[in-house]
């Protein structure tokens, strides 16, 4: 008869073989974990996990925060296991864990950093008790899959153990209300009012009424879709004072609790990401001097931001998460800060990289295209299979037809760019489409 340990060793061996073959073939990281879970549903429970377990979840920013945190921790001299390929479902996490384990299931690192899909945290929590959980934000995201934000928050809450130290975005009233009533220890991070802030009447928010007493919720300013400084005039609900707060933003740097952090990509989401990483490292008791040194050296912009040259034109690629209006709104904030004459390229090849025939485009109507500063925009080029949907969306936001151009594909769009006068191009595209765009630029 086979003992439990023998079965576990066999399944780990099979999974490691599949990981090796997948790496040789350049395939994704989910399949080995899918098979491991089919053969042994509780395989995670049988692994000896690292001593300190950190989870990162939320609608946007979790990949950048998790990967950036792992890089900083490694540079601080500690060993880390992470599901760094962005496979944040249970199967991808199993693949990452077994890849780092030996055949007995022992993972010989001190820290475990997991990017976790909001909908899967509840399932994962049955097998892993996290020491720390970061929640970056909660906003409209892949509505056909996740549904209303209250449903998402309920599922996250069900996956949080009483012993888990929560690290939360103080600027998001949905998060602060849902988790302020629990027994967990909470630390908050946030950003104070700055030049990225907007007046309340300019934002499309998910929360108009106080979640505590249902009176109208007052916002002094907004930073993003739901994020800002809020308070209820009828009860005690208000933005908590952050333990880690960005107090000043200047060209090429910003300050967290008066400590200077350098960055070459001064966008709001990048500042949030870096602030979150600093918060976690400080909570873990690393020295401020070492944390800041490593944050200054960190390039979080590789995935979301890249500059390329196209025949003496600068192309700034701003990558966004598909079906996530907040992600696109951050990109709009960034391009608005740059007043040079510009062309905007807008498009994507697929609505969803997970569901092949997914066609829902309702999320386009939550992107705040009306906030684009059109004064210095020469043209907006919409490309791809959904170019007419994008052009229609822009038209209904009051953008003149003469400013909108539609092109079948990326190549035709770039050829149009070379005819126009502007020397700066901002490409607002989704992940996967950004790789196709960069590839085409390098060919031309």
Protein backbone atom coordinates (compact mmCIF):
# COMPACT_ATOMS: atom_id res chain seq x y z
CA UNK A 1 0.00 0.00 0.00
CA UNK A 2 1.10 3.54 -0.71
CA UNK A 3 1.45 5.79 2.32
CA UNK A 4 0.26 9.41 2.31
CA UNK A 5 3.87 10.59 2.19
CA UNK A 6 4.60 8.42 -0.82
CA UNK A 7 1.53 9.74 -2.65
CA UNK A 8 2.50 13.33 -1.80
CA UNK A 9 6.07 12.78 -3.05
CA UNK A 10 4.79 11.20 -6.27
CA UNK A 11 2.41 14.09 -7.00
CA UNK A 12 5.09 16.69 -6.23
CA UNK A 13 7.45 14.82 -8.58
CA UNK A 14 4.83 14.73 -11.35
CA UNK A 15 4.09 18.43 -10.89
CA UNK A 16 7.77 19.36 -10.96
CA UNK A 17 8.20 17.38 -14.18
CA UNK A 18 5.27 19.23 -15.76
CA UNK A 19 6.73 22.58 -14.63
CA UNK A 20 10.07 21.66 -16.20
CA UNK A 21 8.42 20.62 -19.48
CA UNK A 22 6.26 23.75 -19.48
CA UNK A 23 9.34 25.94 -19.05
CA UNK A 24 11.03 24.19 -21.97
CA UNK A 25 7.98 24.78 -24.16
CA UNK A 26 7.40 28.33 -22.97
CA UNK A 27 3.91 27.46 -21.70
CA UNK A 28 1.96 29.05 -18.86
CA UNK A 29 2.27 28.26 -15.17
CA UNK A 30 -1.27 27.06 -14.33
CA UNK A 31 -1.48 23.55 -15.84
CA UNK A 32 0.88 21.74 -13.39
CA UNK A 33 -1.10 23.20 -10.48
CA UNK A 34 -4.42 22.22 -12.07
CA UNK A 35 -3.25 18.60 -12.33
CA UNK A 36 -1.78 18.60 -8.80
CA UNK A 37 -5.10 19.85 -7.37
CA UNK A 38 -7.04 17.21 -9.30
CA UNK A 39 -4.82 14.46 -7.94
CA UNK A 40 -4.52 15.85 -4.40
CA UNK A 41 -7.01 18.68 -3.60
CA UNK A 42 -5.39 19.49 -0.24
CA UNK A 43 -1.81 19.47 -1.53
CA UNK A 44 -1.06 22.95 -0.11
CA UNK A 45 -1.82 21.74 3.42
CA UNK A 46 0.80 19.03 2.98
CA UNK A 47 3.58 21.50 2.10
CA UNK A 48 5.86 23.02 4.72
CA UNK A 49 5.42 26.70 3.93
CA UNK A 50 7.76 29.61 4.71
CA UNK A 51 7.64 31.10 8.19
CA UNK A 52 6.11 34.47 7.16
CA UNK A 53 3.23 34.45 4.68
CA UNK A 54 2.11 37.66 2.96
CA UNK A 55 -0.87 37.94 0.61
CA UNK A 56 -1.64 40.79 -1.79
CA UNK A 57 -5.11 41.23 -3.30
CA UNK A 58 -7.31 43.98 -4.74
CA UNK A 59 -8.77 45.19 -8.02
CA UNK A 60 -5.58 46.80 -9.34
CA UNK A 61 -1.92 46.94 -8.36
CA UNK A 62 -1.58 43.52 -6.79
CA UNK A 63 0.86 42.15 -9.39
CA UNK A 64 3.14 45.21 -9.17
CA UNK A 65 3.00 45.28 -5.37
CA UNK A 66 3.64 41.55 -4.93
CA UNK A 67 6.52 41.44 -7.42
CA UNK A 68 8.03 44.68 -6.15
CA UNK A 69 7.78 43.54 -2.54
CA UNK A 70 9.53 40.26 -3.36
CA UNK A 71 12.34 42.12 -5.12
CA UNK A 72 12.85 44.51 -2.18
CA UNK A 73 12.77 41.68 0.37
CA UNK A 74 15.38 39.72 -1.61
CA UNK A 75 17.58 42.82 -1.82
CA UNK A 76 17.18 43.24 1.93
CA UNK A 77 18.88 39.87 2.27
CA UNK A 78 16.03 37.45 2.94
CA UNK A 79 14.83 34.46 0.92
CA UNK A 80 11.44 34.71 -0.80
CA UNK A 81 9.01 32.45 -2.65
CA UNK A 82 6.50 34.19 -4.93
CA UNK A 83 4.01 33.35 -7.69
CA UNK A 84 5.74 35.95 -9.83
CA UNK A 85 4.21 35.03 -13.19
CA UNK A 86 0.90 36.63 -12.31
CA UNK A 87 -0.91 33.31 -11.90
CA UNK A 88 -2.99 34.39 -8.94
CA UNK A 89 -5.60 31.63 -8.89
CA UNK A 90 -5.25 28.49 -6.76
CA UNK A 91 -3.66 26.45 -9.57
CA UNK A 92 -0.99 29.08 -10.28
CA UNK A 93 -0.19 29.37 -6.59
CA UNK A 94 0.19 25.59 -6.26
CA UNK A 95 2.54 25.60 -9.25
CA UNK A 96 4.70 28.33 -7.69
CA UNK A 97 4.85 26.58 -4.30
CA UNK A 98 5.77 23.15 -5.68
CA UNK A 99 8.37 24.71 -8.00
CA UNK A 100 10.15 25.97 -4.86
CA UNK A 101 9.68 22.88 -2.71
CA UNK A 102 11.75 19.71 -2.51
CA UNK A 103 10.19 16.28 -3.06
CA UNK A 104 9.18 16.14 0.61
CA UNK A 105 7.19 19.36 0.19
CA UNK A 106 9.54 21.59 2.20
CA UNK A 107 10.00 25.18 0.98
CA UNK A 108 13.28 26.54 2.24
CA UNK A 109 12.64 30.30 2.23
CA UNK A 110 11.72 32.63 5.08
CA UNK A 111 9.06 34.67 3.27
CA UNK A 112 6.12 33.72 1.06
CA UNK A 113 4.59 36.52 -1.05
CA UNK A 114 1.40 35.60 -2.89
CA UNK A 115 -0.56 37.64 -5.37
CA UNK A 116 -4.12 36.37 -4.83
CA UNK A 117 -7.20 36.90 -6.97
CA UNK A 118 -9.97 38.50 -4.90
CA UNK A 119 -12.41 35.69 -5.69
CA UNK A 120 -9.96 32.93 -4.70
CA UNK A 121 -8.76 34.24 -1.35
CA UNK A 122 -11.69 32.54 0.42
CA UNK A 123 -10.72 29.16 -1.05
CA UNK A 124 -7.01 29.61 -0.43
CA UNK A 125 -7.59 30.59 3.21
CA UNK A 126 -8.78 27.04 3.93
CA UNK A 127 -5.23 25.85 3.31
CA UNK A 128 -3.03 28.84 4.16
CA UNK A 129 -3.28 31.19 7.15
CA UNK A 130 -1.69 34.45 6.06
CA UNK A 131 0.33 36.48 8.55
CA UNK A 132 -0.23 39.68 6.55
CA UNK A 133 -2.78 40.62 3.89
CA UNK A 134 -2.51 43.74 1.72
CA UNK A 135 -5.70 45.02 0.06
CA UNK A 136 -4.75 47.62 -2.54
CA UNK A 137 -8.22 48.87 -3.57
CA UNK A 138 -11.66 47.64 -4.58
CA UNK A 139 -13.27 49.01 -7.75
CA UNK A 140 -15.32 47.90 -10.75
CA UNK A 141 -13.34 45.10 -12.32
CA UNK A 142 -14.38 42.32 -14.72
CA UNK A 143 -18.02 42.75 -13.74
CA UNK A 144 -19.23 39.64 -15.56
CA UNK A 145 -16.86 37.55 -13.42
CA UNK A 146 -16.70 39.37 -10.10
CA UNK A 147 -20.07 41.10 -9.91
CA UNK A 148 -20.81 43.97 -7.53
CA UNK A 149 -18.01 45.21 -5.29
CA UNK A 150 -19.99 44.23 -2.17
CA UNK A 151 -19.85 40.61 -3.32
CA UNK A 152 -16.08 40.88 -3.81
CA UNK A 153 -15.58 42.41 -0.37
CA UNK A 154 -17.73 39.72 1.25
CA UNK A 155 -15.62 36.99 -0.35
CA UNK A 156 -12.38 38.65 0.75
CA UNK A 157 -13.71 39.04 4.29
CA UNK A 158 -14.57 35.34 4.43
CA UNK A 159 -10.94 34.57 3.58
CA UNK A 160 -9.39 36.67 6.36
CA UNK A 161 -8.34 34.90 9.56
CA UNK A 162 -8.56 36.69 12.90
CA UNK A 163 -4.78 36.40 13.34
CA UNK A 164 -3.99 38.08 9.98
CA UNK A 165 -2.51 41.59 10.13
CA UNK A 166 -4.37 43.68 7.53
CA UNK A 167 -2.57 46.40 5.56
CA UNK A 168 -5.29 48.52 3.97
CA UNK A 169 -5.75 51.52 1.69
CA UNK A 170 -7.13 54.26 3.96
CA UNK A 171 -8.30 56.25 0.92
CA UNK A 172 -10.84 53.58 -0.09
CA UNK A 173 -14.05 53.85 1.99
CA UNK A 174 -15.29 50.45 0.82
CA UNK A 175 -12.23 48.76 2.29
CA UNK A 176 -12.03 50.75 5.53
CA UNK A 177 -15.70 50.15 6.39
CA UNK A 178 -15.76 46.43 5.60
CA UNK A 179 -12.69 45.60 7.66
CA UNK A 180 -12.84 48.12 10.51
CA UNK A 181 -15.37 46.01 12.41
CA UNK A 182 -13.17 42.90 12.64
CA UNK A 183 -10.73 41.68 15.27
CA UNK A 184 -7.66 41.81 13.06
CA UNK A 185 -4.80 44.21 13.61
CA UNK A 186 -4.93 46.94 10.91
CA UNK A 187 -2.31 49.26 9.45
CA UNK A 188 -3.30 51.91 6.91
CA UNK A 189 -1.47 53.54 4.00
CA UNK A 190 -2.70 56.48 1.92
CA UNK A 191 -1.97 59.60 -0.08
CA UNK A 192 -2.82 63.14 1.01
CA UNK A 193 -4.25 65.82 -1.28
CA UNK A 194 -1.91 66.74 -4.14
CA UNK A 195 -1.89 67.86 -7.78
CA UNK A 196 -3.41 64.49 -8.80
CA UNK A 197 -6.52 65.24 -6.72
CA UNK A 198 -9.88 66.13 -8.25
CA UNK A 199 -13.00 67.85 -6.99
CA UNK A 200 -15.92 65.58 -6.10
CA UNK A 201 -18.14 66.49 -9.05
CA UNK A 202 -15.63 65.13 -11.57
CA UNK A 203 -15.61 61.49 -10.59
CA UNK A 204 -17.78 58.47 -11.20
CA UNK A 205 -17.82 56.70 -7.82
CA UNK A 206 -19.29 53.46 -6.50
CA UNK A 207 -20.17 54.79 -3.06
CA UNK A 208 -22.42 57.82 -2.59
CA UNK A 209 -23.84 56.98 0.81
CA UNK A 210 -22.21 56.28 4.13
CA UNK A 211 -21.93 52.50 4.57
CA UNK A 212 -22.40 52.94 8.31
CA UNK A 213 -25.57 55.08 8.53
CA UNK A 214 -26.66 55.51 4.84
CA UNK A 215 -26.48 59.32 4.94
CA UNK A 216 -24.78 61.06 2.03
CA UNK A 217 -21.02 60.55 2.17
CA UNK A 218 -18.95 63.71 1.84
CA UNK A 219 -15.71 63.78 -0.18
CA UNK A 220 -13.25 66.67 0.17
CA UNK A 221 -11.35 65.43 -2.89
CA UNK A 222 -10.77 62.35 -5.01
CA UNK A 223 -7.54 60.64 -6.03
CA UNK A 224 -9.12 57.87 -8.09
CA UNK A 225 -12.50 56.23 -8.62
CA UNK A 226 -13.42 55.68 -4.95
CA UNK A 227 -10.23 56.89 -3.32
CA UNK A 228 -9.96 60.21 -1.54
CA UNK A 229 -10.70 61.99 1.71
CA UNK A 230 -14.18 61.15 2.91
CA UNK A 231 -16.34 61.64 5.98
CA UNK A 232 -19.96 61.31 7.02
CA UNK A 233 -21.55 64.41 8.55
CA UNK A 234 -24.15 62.28 10.33
CA UNK A 235 -22.00 59.66 12.05
CA UNK A 236 -18.41 58.84 12.99
CA UNK A 237 -17.41 57.16 9.70
CA UNK A 238 -14.42 58.88 8.08
CA UNK A 239 -11.07 58.25 6.44
CA UNK A 240 -8.72 56.88 9.11
CA UNK A 241 -5.40 58.59 9.63
CA UNK A 242 -2.86 56.51 7.70
CA UNK A 243 0.11 55.00 9.49
CA UNK A 244 2.01 55.49 6.23
CA UNK A 245 1.02 58.58 4.27
CA UNK A 246 2.38 60.29 1.19
CA UNK A 247 2.59 63.89 2.35
CA UNK A 248 4.18 65.57 -0.68
CA UNK A 249 4.70 64.76 -4.36
CA UNK A 250 7.37 66.58 -6.35
CA UNK A 251 9.08 66.00 -9.73
CA UNK A 252 11.03 62.70 -9.59
CA UNK A 253 10.30 61.99 -5.91
CA UNK A 254 7.69 61.94 -3.16
CA UNK A 255 7.62 61.69 0.63
CA UNK A 256 6.18 58.97 2.88
CA UNK A 257 5.99 60.16 6.49
CA UNK A 258 8.55 62.81 5.45
CA UNK A 259 10.95 60.18 4.06
CA UNK A 260 12.05 60.87 0.47
CA UNK A 261 11.42 58.19 -2.19
CA UNK A 262 12.75 58.59 -5.73
CA UNK A 263 10.91 57.34 -8.82
CA UNK A 264 11.25 57.83 -12.57
CA UNK A 265 7.53 57.22 -13.13
CA UNK A 266 5.50 59.69 -11.09
CA UNK A 267 2.01 58.30 -11.70
CA UNK A 268 -0.54 57.91 -8.95
CA UNK A 269 -0.70 54.11 -9.20
CA UNK A 270 3.10 53.85 -9.04
CA UNK A 271 3.14 56.03 -5.91
CA UNK A 272 0.46 53.84 -4.35
CA UNK A 273 2.45 50.71 -5.20
CA UNK A 274 5.69 52.01 -3.72
CA UNK A 275 3.90 53.31 -0.61
CA UNK A 276 2.32 49.90 -0.09
CA UNK A 277 5.68 48.14 -0.38
CA UNK A 278 7.28 50.58 2.05
CA UNK A 279 4.43 50.00 4.54
CA UNK A 280 4.86 46.22 4.47
CA UNK A 281 8.64 46.39 4.85
CA UNK A 282 8.39 48.84 7.75
CA UNK A 283 5.83 46.62 9.49
CA UNK A 284 8.25 43.72 9.04
CA UNK A 285 10.81 45.78 11.03
CA UNK A 286 13.40 46.36 8.32
CA UNK A 287 15.50 49.51 8.68
CA UNK A 288 14.07 52.60 6.98
CA UNK A 289 17.40 53.47 5.40
CA UNK A 290 17.65 50.06 3.70
CA UNK A 291 14.00 50.05 2.64
CA UNK A 292 14.33 53.47 0.99
CA UNK A 293 17.58 52.55 -0.73
CA UNK A 294 15.92 49.53 -2.31
CA UNK A 295 12.73 51.39 -3.20
CA UNK A 296 14.82 54.02 -4.96
CA UNK A 297 16.41 51.28 -7.05
CA UNK A 298 13.14 49.54 -7.81
CA UNK A 299 11.65 49.78 -11.31
CA UNK A 300 7.96 49.04 -10.93
CA UNK A 301 7.29 50.66 -14.27
CA UNK A 302 8.45 47.74 -16.44
CA UNK A 303 4.98 46.20 -16.65
CA UNK A 304 2.82 49.32 -16.76
CA UNK A 305 5.02 51.89 -18.46
CA UNK A 306 7.62 51.90 -21.20
CA UNK A 307 9.04 54.50 -23.58
CA UNK A 308 10.04 53.54 -27.12
CA UNK A 309 11.26 55.39 -30.19
CA UNK A 310 9.35 55.37 -33.46
CA UNK A 311 11.17 57.35 -36.18
CA UNK A 312 12.12 60.18 -33.81
CA UNK A 313 8.76 60.08 -32.06
CA UNK A 314 8.52 59.10 -28.40
CA UNK A 315 5.88 56.43 -27.80
CA UNK A 316 4.81 56.10 -24.16
CA UNK A 317 3.09 52.75 -23.64
CA UNK A 318 0.66 52.85 -20.70
CA UNK A 319 -0.57 49.32 -20.09
CA UNK A 320 -3.88 48.77 -18.34
CA UNK A 321 -5.85 45.82 -17.07
CA UNK A 322 -8.69 44.83 -19.40
CA UNK A 323 -12.22 45.32 -18.04
CA UNK A 324 -10.83 47.59 -15.33
CA UNK A 325 -11.86 51.25 -15.72
CA UNK A 326 -9.74 52.39 -12.76
CA UNK A 327 -6.59 51.13 -14.48
CA UNK A 328 -7.38 53.19 -17.60
CA UNK A 329 -8.34 56.22 -15.50
CA UNK A 330 -4.89 56.19 -13.90
CA UNK A 331 -3.35 56.24 -17.39
CA UNK A 332 -5.55 59.20 -18.34
CA UNK A 333 -4.38 61.03 -15.21
CA UNK A 334 -0.78 60.46 -16.26
CA UNK A 335 -1.07 61.68 -19.85
CA UNK A 336 -3.04 64.77 -18.72
CA UNK A 337 -0.04 65.91 -16.70
CA UNK A 338 2.02 66.22 -19.89
CA UNK A 339 0.98 69.27 -21.90
CA UNK A 340 2.92 68.70 -25.11
CA UNK A 341 1.07 68.21 -28.39
CA UNK A 342 0.30 64.51 -28.55
CA UNK A 343 -1.41 61.65 -30.35
CA UNK A 344 -3.30 59.01 -28.36
CA UNK A 345 -3.50 55.40 -29.54
CA UNK A 346 -6.31 53.42 -27.95
CA UNK A 347 -7.16 49.76 -28.43
CA UNK A 348 -7.03 46.13 -27.42
CA UNK A 349 -7.14 42.78 -29.17
CA UNK A 350 -9.19 40.76 -26.66
CA UNK A 351 -11.70 41.72 -23.99
CA UNK A 352 -10.53 38.85 -21.81
CA UNK A 353 -7.39 36.73 -21.87
CA UNK A 354 -9.12 34.10 -19.71
CA UNK A 355 -12.42 33.69 -21.58
CA UNK A 356 -11.83 33.42 -25.33
CA UNK A 357 -15.27 34.48 -26.58
CA UNK A 358 -15.89 37.17 -23.96
CA UNK A 359 -17.52 40.20 -25.61
CA UNK A 360 -18.89 42.39 -22.78
CA UNK A 361 -17.85 46.03 -23.32
CA UNK A 362 -19.97 47.72 -20.64
CA UNK A 363 -16.78 48.59 -18.71
CA UNK A 364 -15.79 51.05 -21.45
CA UNK A 365 -18.55 53.35 -20.23
CA UNK A 366 -16.92 53.61 -16.79
CA UNK A 367 -13.64 54.89 -18.23
CA UNK A 368 -13.52 58.66 -17.82
CA UNK A 369 -12.60 59.62 -21.36
CA UNK A 370 -14.30 62.97 -20.75
CA UNK A 371 -11.39 63.85 -18.48
CA UNK A 372 -8.83 63.72 -21.32
CA UNK A 373 -7.39 67.21 -21.78
CA UNK A 374 -8.14 67.58 -25.50
CA UNK A 375 -6.47 70.96 -25.94
CA UNK A 376 -3.11 69.38 -26.78
CA UNK A 377 -4.41 66.19 -28.42
CA UNK A 378 -3.97 66.17 -32.19
CA UNK A 379 -5.80 62.89 -32.84
CA UNK A 380 -7.09 59.82 -31.01
CA UNK A 381 -6.50 56.65 -33.04
CA UNK A 382 -8.75 53.69 -32.17
CA UNK A 383 -7.50 50.33 -33.44
CA UNK A 384 -8.32 46.65 -33.28
CA UNK A 385 -11.51 44.59 -33.49
CA UNK A 386 -13.30 46.97 -31.09
CA UNK A 387 -12.20 50.22 -32.75
CA UNK A 388 -15.75 51.29 -33.61
CA UNK A 389 -16.96 50.60 -30.07
CA UNK A 390 -14.13 52.78 -28.74
CA UNK A 391 -14.82 55.51 -31.30
CA UNK A 392 -18.52 55.49 -30.39
CA UNK A 393 -17.64 55.70 -26.70
CA UNK A 394 -15.42 58.73 -27.36
CA UNK A 395 -18.09 60.38 -29.49
CA UNK A 396 -20.69 60.06 -26.75
CA UNK A 397 -18.24 61.77 -24.40
CA UNK A 398 -18.41 64.82 -26.63
CA UNK A 399 -15.11 64.30 -28.47
CA UNK A 400 -15.37 65.68 -31.99
CA UNK A 401 -15.46 63.21 -34.85
CA UNK A 402 -12.60 64.99 -36.59
CA UNK A 403 -10.31 64.14 -33.68
CA UNK A 404 -11.11 60.40 -33.91
CA UNK A 405 -9.45 58.03 -36.40
CA UNK A 406 -10.17 54.29 -36.69
CA UNK A 407 -7.59 51.80 -37.93
CA UNK A 408 -7.84 48.06 -38.40
CA UNK A 409 -4.67 47.09 -36.54
CA UNK A 410 -1.57 48.29 -34.73
CA UNK A 411 0.56 48.55 -37.88
CA UNK A 412 -1.92 50.86 -39.61
CA UNK A 413 -2.18 52.97 -36.45
CA UNK A 414 1.58 53.46 -36.26
CA UNK A 415 1.71 54.34 -39.95
CA UNK A 416 -0.92 57.02 -39.27
CA UNK A 417 1.18 58.34 -36.38
CA UNK A 418 4.08 58.92 -38.80
CA UNK A 419 1.85 61.12 -40.97
CA UNK A 420 0.71 63.31 -38.07
CA UNK A 421 2.72 66.24 -36.69
CA UNK A 422 2.94 65.34 -33.01
CA UNK A 423 6.25 63.95 -31.78
CA UNK A 424 4.82 62.35 -28.64
CA UNK A 425 2.42 59.39 -28.66
CA UNK A 426 0.59 57.91 -25.69
CA UNK A 427 -0.66 54.35 -26.19
CA UNK A 428 -3.46 53.30 -23.83
CA UNK A 429 -3.63 49.55 -24.33
CA UNK A 430 -4.33 46.40 -22.35
CA UNK A 431 -1.84 43.80 -21.18
CA UNK A 432 -0.94 41.34 -23.99
CA UNK A 433 -1.86 44.01 -26.56
CA UNK A 434 1.03 46.10 -25.21
CA UNK A 435 3.48 43.34 -26.17
CA UNK A 436 2.10 43.29 -29.73
CA UNK A 437 2.43 47.07 -29.93
CA UNK A 438 6.03 47.08 -28.70
CA UNK A 439 6.92 44.31 -31.14
CA UNK A 440 5.45 46.26 -34.07
CA UNK A 441 7.27 49.47 -33.05
CA UNK A 442 10.59 47.67 -32.95
CA UNK A 443 9.97 46.26 -36.43
CA UNK A 444 9.31 49.67 -38.02
